Amino acid sequence: MPSCKEIREELVDCLLKSDCVVVKRHTVKECLQFENSADVPKECQSIRRSFFECRRGLLDMRRRFRGNKL
C-alpha cells in the first residue's frame, strides 16, 4: 500500500527550518495551522498541499484502484 511517509518527513523538515519554529518558537503543529503566514515559506505550503493530496488519494475509493498520481 502506498504511503505518504516521505512527503510527511519532508514537510516536518521544512517547517523545522522555517522562521515560524526557529524565530517565533511555535511548534510544528501550530505552524501547520497558520496557513498563509509570512513565517511559513511558500515551499512548505506547497509541500503541505502535496501531503494533503497524497492523503486524500489514499482515502478516495476511485484512486485506490488506479493508484496515486506521483
N, C-alpha and C. Protein backbone atom coordinates (compact mmCIF):
# COMPACT_ATOMS: atom_id res chain seq x y z
N MET A 1 0.85 -1.18 0.00
CA MET A 1 0.00 0.00 0.00
C MET A 1 0.89 1.24 0.00
N PRO A 2 0.59 2.20 -0.85
CA PRO A 2 1.42 3.40 -0.92
C PRO A 2 1.33 4.21 0.38
N SER A 3 2.39 4.92 0.65
CA SER A 3 2.45 5.70 1.87
C SER A 3 2.90 7.12 1.56
N CYS A 4 2.52 8.04 2.41
CA CYS A 4 2.91 9.44 2.26
C CYS A 4 4.01 9.80 3.24
N LYS A 5 4.72 8.80 3.72
CA LYS A 5 5.71 8.99 4.76
C LYS A 5 6.83 9.94 4.35
N GLU A 6 7.31 9.80 3.11
CA GLU A 6 8.41 10.65 2.64
C GLU A 6 8.00 12.12 2.56
N ILE A 7 6.81 12.36 2.07
CA ILE A 7 6.31 13.75 1.96
C ILE A 7 6.11 14.34 3.35
N ARG A 8 5.61 13.53 4.27
CA ARG A 8 5.40 13.99 5.65
C ARG A 8 6.73 14.39 6.29
N GLU A 9 7.75 13.56 6.12
CA GLU A 9 9.07 13.87 6.69
C GLU A 9 9.66 15.13 6.07
N GLU A 10 9.45 15.30 4.77
CA GLU A 10 9.93 16.50 4.09
C GLU A 10 9.22 17.74 4.61
N LEU A 11 7.93 17.63 4.87
CA LEU A 11 7.15 18.74 5.41
C LEU A 11 7.64 19.12 6.81
N VAL A 12 7.88 18.13 7.65
CA VAL A 12 8.34 18.40 9.01
C VAL A 12 9.73 19.05 8.97
N ASP A 13 10.62 18.54 8.12
CA ASP A 13 11.95 19.14 8.00
C ASP A 13 11.88 20.59 7.54
N CYS A 14 11.00 20.86 6.57
CA CYS A 14 10.85 22.21 6.06
C CYS A 14 10.33 23.15 7.16
N LEU A 15 9.36 22.69 7.92
CA LEU A 15 8.79 23.52 8.98
C LEU A 15 9.78 23.73 10.12
N LEU A 16 10.61 22.74 10.42
CA LEU A 16 11.60 22.88 11.48
C LEU A 16 12.66 23.93 11.14
N LYS A 17 12.88 24.17 9.85
CA LYS A 17 13.86 25.17 9.41
C LYS A 17 13.23 26.54 9.18
N SER A 18 11.91 26.64 9.28
CA SER A 18 11.23 27.89 8.99
C SER A 18 11.32 28.87 10.16
N ASP A 19 11.04 30.14 9.88
CA ASP A 19 11.05 31.18 10.91
C ASP A 19 9.96 30.96 11.95
N CYS A 20 8.90 30.29 11.56
CA CYS A 20 7.80 30.03 12.48
C CYS A 20 8.28 29.21 13.68
N VAL A 21 9.16 28.25 13.46
CA VAL A 21 9.67 27.42 14.54
C VAL A 21 10.95 28.01 15.13
N VAL A 22 11.86 28.44 14.28
CA VAL A 22 13.17 28.90 14.74
C VAL A 22 13.09 30.24 15.47
N VAL A 23 12.43 31.22 14.87
CA VAL A 23 12.40 32.57 15.43
C VAL A 23 11.21 32.75 16.39
N LYS A 24 10.03 32.40 15.94
CA LYS A 24 8.81 32.63 16.73
C LYS A 24 8.59 31.58 17.82
N ARG A 25 9.34 30.48 17.78
CA ARG A 25 9.30 29.42 18.78
C ARG A 25 7.94 28.73 18.90
N HIS A 26 7.23 28.59 17.76
CA HIS A 26 5.99 27.82 17.72
C HIS A 26 6.32 26.36 17.49
N THR A 27 5.37 25.49 17.79
CA THR A 27 5.55 24.08 17.47
C THR A 27 5.21 23.85 16.00
N VAL A 28 5.59 22.69 15.49
CA VAL A 28 5.29 22.36 14.10
C VAL A 28 3.77 22.30 13.90
N LYS A 29 3.06 21.76 14.88
CA LYS A 29 1.61 21.68 14.79
C LYS A 29 0.98 23.07 14.69
N GLU A 30 1.47 24.01 15.49
CA GLU A 30 0.95 25.38 15.44
C GLU A 30 1.27 26.03 14.10
N CYS A 31 2.44 25.77 13.56
CA CYS A 31 2.81 26.36 12.27
C CYS A 31 1.95 25.80 11.14
N LEU A 32 1.54 24.55 11.25
CA LEU A 32 0.66 23.97 10.23
C LEU A 32 -0.70 24.65 10.24
N GLN A 33 -1.12 25.17 11.38
CA GLN A 33 -2.41 25.83 11.48
C GLN A 33 -2.37 27.24 10.89
N PHE A 34 -1.17 27.85 10.83
CA PHE A 34 -1.02 29.18 10.21
C PHE A 34 -0.88 28.96 8.71
N GLU A 35 -2.00 28.94 8.03
CA GLU A 35 -1.99 28.54 6.63
C GLU A 35 -1.26 29.53 5.73
N ASN A 36 -1.54 30.81 5.84
CA ASN A 36 -0.94 31.79 4.94
C ASN A 36 -0.05 32.78 5.69
N SER A 37 0.64 32.31 6.69
CA SER A 37 1.51 33.17 7.48
C SER A 37 2.79 33.48 6.71
N ALA A 38 3.35 34.66 6.96
CA ALA A 38 4.61 35.03 6.32
C ALA A 38 5.78 34.25 6.92
N ASP A 39 5.59 33.69 8.10
CA ASP A 39 6.64 32.92 8.76
C ASP A 39 6.81 31.52 8.16
N VAL A 40 5.80 31.05 7.45
CA VAL A 40 5.86 29.74 6.80
C VAL A 40 6.16 29.97 5.32
N PRO A 41 7.31 29.49 4.83
CA PRO A 41 7.68 29.74 3.44
C PRO A 41 6.73 29.08 2.44
N LYS A 42 6.71 29.61 1.23
CA LYS A 42 5.86 29.07 0.16
C LYS A 42 6.21 27.62 -0.13
N GLU A 43 7.49 27.27 0.00
CA GLU A 43 7.93 25.89 -0.25
C GLU A 43 7.22 24.92 0.71
N CYS A 44 7.15 25.29 1.97
CA CYS A 44 6.48 24.45 2.97
C CYS A 44 4.99 24.36 2.69
N GLN A 45 4.41 25.46 2.23
CA GLN A 45 2.99 25.45 1.92
C GLN A 45 2.69 24.53 0.73
N SER A 46 3.59 24.50 -0.26
CA SER A 46 3.38 23.61 -1.40
C SER A 46 3.59 22.15 -1.01
N ILE A 47 4.54 21.89 -0.11
CA ILE A 47 4.73 20.52 0.38
C ILE A 47 3.52 20.09 1.19
N ARG A 48 2.96 21.00 1.96
CA ARG A 48 1.75 20.70 2.73
C ARG A 48 0.60 20.33 1.81
N ARG A 49 0.47 21.07 0.71
CA ARG A 49 -0.58 20.78 -0.26
C ARG A 49 -0.36 19.40 -0.89
N SER A 50 0.89 19.07 -1.20
CA SER A 50 1.20 17.76 -1.77
C SER A 50 0.88 16.64 -0.77
N PHE A 51 1.18 16.86 0.49
CA PHE A 51 0.88 15.88 1.52
C PHE A 51 -0.63 15.68 1.64
N PHE A 52 -1.38 16.77 1.58
CA PHE A 52 -2.84 16.69 1.63
C PHE A 52 -3.37 15.87 0.45
N GLU A 53 -2.86 16.13 -0.74
CA GLU A 53 -3.31 15.40 -1.92
C GLU A 53 -2.96 13.91 -1.82
N CYS A 54 -1.79 13.62 -1.26
CA CYS A 54 -1.38 12.24 -1.09
C CYS A 54 -2.31 11.52 -0.12
N ARG A 55 -2.61 12.15 1.00
CA ARG A 55 -3.50 11.55 1.99
C ARG A 55 -4.92 11.39 1.43
N ARG A 56 -5.35 12.36 0.68
CA ARG A 56 -6.67 12.28 0.07
C ARG A 56 -6.74 11.15 -0.93
N GLY A 57 -5.63 10.95 -1.65
CA GLY A 57 -5.57 9.86 -2.62
C GLY A 57 -5.66 8.49 -1.97
N LEU A 58 -5.20 8.37 -0.73
CA LEU A 58 -5.30 7.09 -0.03
C LEU A 58 -6.73 6.78 0.39
N LEU A 59 -7.53 7.82 0.59
CA LEU A 59 -8.90 7.62 1.06
C LEU A 59 -9.94 7.61 -0.05
N ASP A 60 -9.60 8.17 -1.21
CA ASP A 60 -10.54 8.26 -2.32
C ASP A 60 -10.68 6.88 -2.96
N MET A 61 -11.87 6.34 -2.96
CA MET A 61 -12.09 4.99 -3.46
C MET A 61 -11.77 4.85 -4.95
N ARG A 62 -12.01 5.88 -5.73
CA ARG A 62 -11.69 5.81 -7.16
C ARG A 62 -10.19 5.72 -7.38
N ARG A 63 -9.43 6.43 -6.56
CA ARG A 63 -7.97 6.41 -6.70
C ARG A 63 -7.34 5.17 -6.11
N ARG A 64 -8.02 4.52 -5.20
CA ARG A 64 -7.45 3.32 -4.59
C ARG A 64 -7.23 2.24 -5.62
N PHE A 65 -8.09 2.16 -6.63
CA PHE A 65 -7.94 1.16 -7.68
C PHE A 65 -6.90 1.58 -8.70
N ARG A 66 -6.83 2.86 -9.01
CA ARG A 66 -5.91 3.37 -10.02
C ARG A 66 -4.53 3.68 -9.45
N GLY A 67 -4.45 3.98 -8.17
CA GLY A 67 -3.18 4.35 -7.55
C GLY A 67 -3.01 5.85 -7.51
N ASN A 68 -2.10 6.30 -6.65
CA ASN A 68 -1.80 7.73 -6.52
C ASN A 68 -1.03 8.20 -7.74
N LYS A 69 -1.29 9.42 -8.14
CA LYS A 69 -0.51 10.05 -9.22
C LYS A 69 0.70 10.68 -8.60
N LEU A 70 1.85 10.09 -8.75
CA LEU A 70 3.07 10.65 -8.16
C LEU A 70 3.98 11.23 -9.19
